[in-house]
Amino acid sequence: MSYSVRFAPEALAQLEAIEQYIGDAGSTLTAMRYVDSIIDFCEGLVTFPQRCRQRDDLFPGLRITNYRGSAVVAYLVDTASEVVTIVGVYYGGQDYESALREEH
């Protein structure tokens, strides 16, 4: 199977907010590199996307993984269409559980 990765509009907005936050606190270049590395990490989910922790308690089919201990990536896997959808990227200890419960 060869999966593709898509980013939900909410996840893209979160990535932009992370980049803005880091850029405002320090370096724009560092912020861009960090967000690019998160995107690369997410795109790596094309290989065995079911490997991460399933969180059906938040909503059915949700999977969670950590990026470098500073960000949480939430995603869904559609095995029928072979698509991984990134539904959220939560940075710096954000309460992703509450946010995901409210969204769904």
N, C-alpha and C. Protein backbone atom coordinates (compact mmCIF):
# COMPACT_ATOMS: atom_id res chain seq x y z
N MET A 1 0.83 -1.19 0.00
CA MET A 1 0.00 0.00 0.00
C MET A 1 0.87 1.25 0.00
N SER A 2 0.42 2.21 -0.72
CA SER A 2 1.12 3.48 -0.75
C SER A 2 0.13 4.59 -0.37
N TYR A 3 0.27 5.09 0.82
CA TYR A 3 -0.62 6.12 1.34
C TYR A 3 -0.17 7.50 0.88
N SER A 4 -1.10 8.43 0.90
CA SER A 4 -0.77 9.84 0.70
C SER A 4 -1.18 10.57 1.99
N VAL A 5 -0.57 11.71 2.21
CA VAL A 5 -0.84 12.51 3.41
C VAL A 5 -1.50 13.81 2.99
N ARG A 6 -2.58 14.13 3.69
CA ARG A 6 -3.28 15.40 3.49
C ARG A 6 -3.35 16.12 4.82
N PHE A 7 -3.37 17.43 4.77
CA PHE A 7 -3.48 18.25 5.97
C PHE A 7 -4.85 18.92 5.98
N ALA A 8 -5.60 18.72 7.04
CA ALA A 8 -6.87 19.41 7.21
C ALA A 8 -6.59 20.91 7.35
N PRO A 9 -7.54 21.75 6.97
CA PRO A 9 -7.33 23.20 7.10
C PRO A 9 -6.96 23.61 8.53
N GLU A 10 -7.53 22.96 9.53
CA GLU A 10 -7.22 23.28 10.93
C GLU A 10 -5.75 22.97 11.24
N ALA A 11 -5.24 21.87 10.71
CA ALA A 11 -3.84 21.51 10.94
C ALA A 11 -2.91 22.51 10.26
N LEU A 12 -3.27 22.94 9.07
CA LEU A 12 -2.45 23.95 8.38
C LEU A 12 -2.43 25.26 9.16
N ALA A 13 -3.58 25.64 9.69
CA ALA A 13 -3.65 26.87 10.50
C ALA A 13 -2.80 26.72 11.76
N GLN A 14 -2.81 25.54 12.36
CA GLN A 14 -2.00 25.31 13.56
C GLN A 14 -0.50 25.39 13.23
N LEU A 15 -0.11 24.84 12.09
CA LEU A 15 1.29 24.93 11.68
C LEU A 15 1.71 26.39 11.46
N GLU A 16 0.84 27.15 10.84
CA GLU A 16 1.13 28.58 10.65
C GLU A 16 1.27 29.30 12.00
N ALA A 17 0.40 28.96 12.94
CA ALA A 17 0.46 29.58 14.27
C ALA A 17 1.74 29.20 15.00
N ILE A 18 2.17 27.96 14.86
CA ILE A 18 3.42 27.52 15.48
C ILE A 18 4.59 28.29 14.88
N GLU A 19 4.59 28.41 13.57
CA GLU A 19 5.67 29.15 12.91
C GLU A 19 5.69 30.61 13.36
N GLN A 20 4.53 31.22 13.46
CA GLN A 20 4.44 32.61 13.91
C GLN A 20 4.93 32.75 15.34
N TYR A 21 4.51 31.84 16.20
CA TYR A 21 4.90 31.88 17.62
C TYR A 21 6.42 31.76 17.79
N ILE A 22 7.01 30.79 17.12
CA ILE A 22 8.46 30.60 17.22
C ILE A 22 9.20 31.76 16.58
N GLY A 23 8.70 32.22 15.44
CA GLY A 23 9.32 33.36 14.76
C GLY A 23 9.29 34.61 15.62
N ASP A 24 8.17 34.85 16.30
CA ASP A 24 8.06 36.03 17.16
C ASP A 24 8.99 35.93 18.37
N ALA A 25 9.19 34.70 18.84
CA ALA A 25 10.02 34.49 20.03
C ALA A 25 11.51 34.45 19.71
N GLY A 26 11.85 34.25 18.46
CA GLY A 26 13.27 34.09 18.14
C GLY A 26 13.57 34.36 16.70
N SER A 27 13.76 33.28 15.97
CA SER A 27 14.24 33.37 14.60
C SER A 27 13.19 32.88 13.60
N THR A 28 12.95 33.66 12.59
CA THR A 28 12.04 33.27 11.52
C THR A 28 12.56 32.03 10.80
N LEU A 29 13.86 31.97 10.56
CA LEU A 29 14.46 30.83 9.88
C LEU A 29 14.30 29.55 10.71
N THR A 30 14.54 29.66 12.01
CA THR A 30 14.36 28.51 12.90
C THR A 30 12.92 28.05 12.88
N ALA A 31 11.99 28.98 12.90
CA ALA A 31 10.56 28.65 12.88
C ALA A 31 10.20 27.92 11.60
N MET A 32 10.68 28.41 10.48
CA MET A 32 10.39 27.77 9.19
C MET A 32 10.96 26.36 9.15
N ARG A 33 12.19 26.20 9.62
CA ARG A 33 12.81 24.87 9.62
C ARG A 33 12.06 23.89 10.52
N TYR A 34 11.63 24.38 11.68
CA TYR A 34 10.91 23.52 12.61
C TYR A 34 9.59 23.05 12.02
N VAL A 35 8.84 23.96 11.45
CA VAL A 35 7.55 23.59 10.85
C VAL A 35 7.78 22.68 9.64
N ASP A 36 8.79 22.96 8.84
CA ASP A 36 9.10 22.07 7.72
C ASP A 36 9.44 20.66 8.20
N SER A 37 10.13 20.57 9.33
CA SER A 37 10.49 19.24 9.85
C SER A 37 9.25 18.51 10.38
N ILE A 38 8.29 19.23 10.94
CA ILE A 38 7.03 18.61 11.34
C ILE A 38 6.29 18.08 10.11
N ILE A 39 6.25 18.87 9.06
CA ILE A 39 5.59 18.45 7.82
C ILE A 39 6.26 17.21 7.25
N ASP A 40 7.60 17.20 7.24
CA ASP A 40 8.33 16.02 6.75
C ASP A 40 8.00 14.79 7.59
N PHE A 41 7.92 14.98 8.91
CA PHE A 41 7.57 13.89 9.81
C PHE A 41 6.18 13.35 9.48
N CYS A 42 5.24 14.25 9.29
CA CYS A 42 3.87 13.84 8.94
C CYS A 42 3.84 13.10 7.61
N GLU A 43 4.58 13.58 6.66
CA GLU A 43 4.62 12.93 5.35
C GLU A 43 5.23 11.54 5.44
N GLY A 44 6.03 11.30 6.47
CA GLY A 44 6.61 9.98 6.70
C GLY A 44 5.58 8.96 7.15
N LEU A 45 4.40 9.40 7.50
CA LEU A 45 3.34 8.49 7.91
C LEU A 45 2.77 7.68 6.74
N VAL A 46 3.26 7.92 5.53
CA VAL A 46 2.82 7.14 4.38
C VAL A 46 3.24 5.68 4.54
N THR A 47 4.28 5.45 5.33
CA THR A 47 4.73 4.09 5.59
C THR A 47 4.17 3.62 6.93
N PHE A 48 3.33 2.62 6.89
CA PHE A 48 2.70 2.03 8.07
C PHE A 48 2.10 3.08 9.00
N PRO A 49 1.07 3.78 8.55
CA PRO A 49 0.48 4.84 9.37
C PRO A 49 -0.24 4.34 10.62
N GLN A 50 -0.55 3.06 10.68
CA GLN A 50 -1.24 2.52 11.85
C GLN A 50 -0.30 2.29 13.04
N ARG A 51 0.95 2.65 12.91
CA ARG A 51 1.94 2.34 13.94
C ARG A 51 1.77 3.17 15.22
N CYS A 52 1.07 4.25 15.16
CA CYS A 52 0.97 5.14 16.32
C CYS A 52 -0.23 4.81 17.19
N ARG A 53 -0.26 5.44 18.32
CA ARG A 53 -1.27 5.16 19.34
C ARG A 53 -2.68 5.54 18.88
N GLN A 54 -3.59 4.60 18.99
CA GLN A 54 -4.99 4.86 18.63
C GLN A 54 -5.71 5.49 19.82
N ARG A 55 -6.53 6.52 19.56
CA ARG A 55 -7.26 7.24 20.60
C ARG A 55 -8.73 7.31 20.27
N ASP A 56 -9.38 6.17 20.20
CA ASP A 56 -10.81 6.12 19.95
C ASP A 56 -11.61 6.78 21.06
N ASP A 57 -11.00 6.97 22.24
CA ASP A 57 -11.69 7.64 23.33
C ASP A 57 -11.95 9.11 23.02
N LEU A 58 -11.16 9.69 22.13
CA LEU A 58 -11.38 11.09 21.73
C LEU A 58 -12.37 11.16 20.57
N PHE A 59 -12.15 10.36 19.55
CA PHE A 59 -13.14 10.09 18.51
C PHE A 59 -12.65 8.93 17.66
N PRO A 60 -13.58 8.20 17.04
CA PRO A 60 -13.24 6.96 16.34
C PRO A 60 -12.19 7.15 15.24
N GLY A 61 -11.19 6.26 15.28
CA GLY A 61 -10.17 6.24 14.24
C GLY A 61 -9.00 7.17 14.46
N LEU A 62 -9.05 7.98 15.49
CA LEU A 62 -7.98 8.96 15.73
C LEU A 62 -6.71 8.25 16.18
N ARG A 63 -5.60 8.72 15.65
CA ARG A 63 -4.27 8.26 16.08
C ARG A 63 -3.45 9.47 16.49
N ILE A 64 -2.56 9.23 17.46
CA ILE A 64 -1.74 10.29 18.04
C ILE A 64 -0.28 9.86 18.00
N THR A 65 0.60 10.79 17.68
CA THR A 65 2.03 10.56 17.79
C THR A 65 2.69 11.84 18.27
N ASN A 66 3.89 11.71 18.76
CA ASN A 66 4.65 12.88 19.24
C ASN A 66 5.77 13.20 18.27
N TYR A 67 6.04 14.48 18.15
CA TYR A 67 7.16 14.92 17.34
C TYR A 67 8.17 15.60 18.27
N ARG A 68 9.33 14.99 18.43
CA ARG A 68 10.43 15.53 19.22
C ARG A 68 10.03 15.94 20.64
N GLY A 69 8.99 15.36 21.17
CA GLY A 69 8.57 15.67 22.53
C GLY A 69 7.97 17.05 22.72
N SER A 70 7.87 17.83 21.65
CA SER A 70 7.34 19.18 21.80
C SER A 70 6.05 19.43 21.03
N ALA A 71 5.65 18.48 20.22
CA ALA A 71 4.42 18.63 19.44
C ALA A 71 3.69 17.29 19.39
N VAL A 72 2.38 17.36 19.34
CA VAL A 72 1.53 16.18 19.19
C VAL A 72 0.85 16.29 17.83
N VAL A 73 0.92 15.22 17.08
CA VAL A 73 0.28 15.16 15.77
C VAL A 73 -0.90 14.19 15.88
N ALA A 74 -2.07 14.67 15.50
CA ALA A 74 -3.29 13.86 15.51
C ALA A 74 -3.70 13.61 14.06
N TYR A 75 -4.05 12.35 13.77
CA TYR A 75 -4.39 12.04 12.39
C TYR A 75 -5.36 10.88 12.29
N LEU A 76 -5.93 10.75 11.11
CA LEU A 76 -6.86 9.67 10.77
C LEU A 76 -6.28 8.89 9.60
N VAL A 77 -6.55 7.59 9.56
CA VAL A 77 -6.11 6.75 8.46
C VAL A 77 -7.34 6.17 7.77
N ASP A 78 -7.44 6.43 6.49
CA ASP A 78 -8.50 5.83 5.67
C ASP A 78 -7.85 4.74 4.83
N THR A 79 -7.98 3.50 5.26
CA THR A 79 -7.32 2.41 4.57
C THR A 79 -7.93 2.15 3.19
N ALA A 80 -9.22 2.42 3.04
CA ALA A 80 -9.88 2.19 1.75
C ALA A 80 -9.33 3.10 0.66
N SER A 81 -9.13 4.37 0.99
CA SER A 81 -8.61 5.32 -0.01
C SER A 81 -7.11 5.55 0.14
N GLU A 82 -6.50 4.90 1.15
CA GLU A 82 -5.06 5.01 1.41
C GLU A 82 -4.63 6.46 1.63
N VAL A 83 -5.38 7.13 2.49
CA VAL A 83 -5.10 8.53 2.81
C VAL A 83 -4.91 8.69 4.32
N VAL A 84 -3.86 9.41 4.68
CA VAL A 84 -3.64 9.82 6.06
C VAL A 84 -4.00 11.30 6.12
N THR A 85 -4.92 11.65 7.00
CA THR A 85 -5.33 13.05 7.13
C THR A 85 -4.85 13.58 8.47
N ILE A 86 -3.98 14.56 8.42
CA ILE A 86 -3.50 15.22 9.63
C ILE A 86 -4.60 16.17 10.08
N VAL A 87 -5.17 15.93 11.25
CA VAL A 87 -6.29 16.75 11.72
C VAL A 87 -5.86 17.80 12.73
N GLY A 88 -4.64 17.65 13.29
CA GLY A 88 -4.19 18.65 14.24
C GLY A 88 -2.72 18.51 14.58
N VAL A 89 -2.09 19.64 14.87
CA VAL A 89 -0.71 19.69 15.34
C VAL A 89 -0.70 20.62 16.54
N TYR A 90 -0.42 20.06 17.70
CA TYR A 90 -0.51 20.79 18.96
C TYR A 90 0.89 20.93 19.55
N TYR A 91 1.26 22.16 19.87
CA TYR A 91 2.63 22.50 20.25
C TYR A 91 2.72 22.96 21.69
N GLY A 92 3.80 22.61 22.32
CA GLY A 92 4.15 23.18 23.62
C GLY A 92 3.19 22.88 24.74
N GLY A 93 2.71 21.67 24.82
CA GLY A 93 1.85 21.30 25.95
C GLY A 93 0.40 21.73 25.83
N GLN A 94 -0.03 22.09 24.64
CA GLN A 94 -1.45 22.44 24.46
C GLN A 94 -2.32 21.24 24.84
N ASP A 95 -3.50 21.51 25.33
CA ASP A 95 -4.43 20.46 25.73
C ASP A 95 -5.13 19.92 24.48
N TYR A 96 -4.44 19.05 23.79
CA TYR A 96 -4.98 18.52 22.53
C TYR A 96 -6.21 17.65 22.76
N GLU A 97 -6.27 16.98 23.91
CA GLU A 97 -7.43 16.11 24.16
C GLU A 97 -8.73 16.92 24.21
N SER A 98 -8.72 18.00 24.95
CA SER A 98 -9.92 18.84 25.03
C SER A 98 -10.25 19.45 23.67
N ALA A 99 -9.23 19.91 22.97
CA ALA A 99 -9.45 20.52 21.66
C ALA A 99 -10.06 19.53 20.68
N LEU A 100 -9.56 18.31 20.67
CA LEU A 100 -10.08 17.31 19.75
C LEU A 100 -11.50 16.87 20.12
N ARG A 101 -11.78 16.79 21.40
CA ARG A 101 -13.14 16.44 21.84
C ARG A 101 -14.14 17.51 21.39
N GLU A 102 -13.73 18.78 21.50
CA GLU A 102 -14.62 19.88 21.12
C GLU A 102 -14.85 19.91 19.61
N GLU A 103 -13.82 19.60 18.84
CA GLU A 103 -13.92 19.64 17.38
C GLU A 103 -14.80 18.54 16.83
N HIS A 104 -14.86 17.42 17.52
CA HIS A 104 -15.61 16.27 16.99
C HIS A 104 -16.62 15.88 17.98
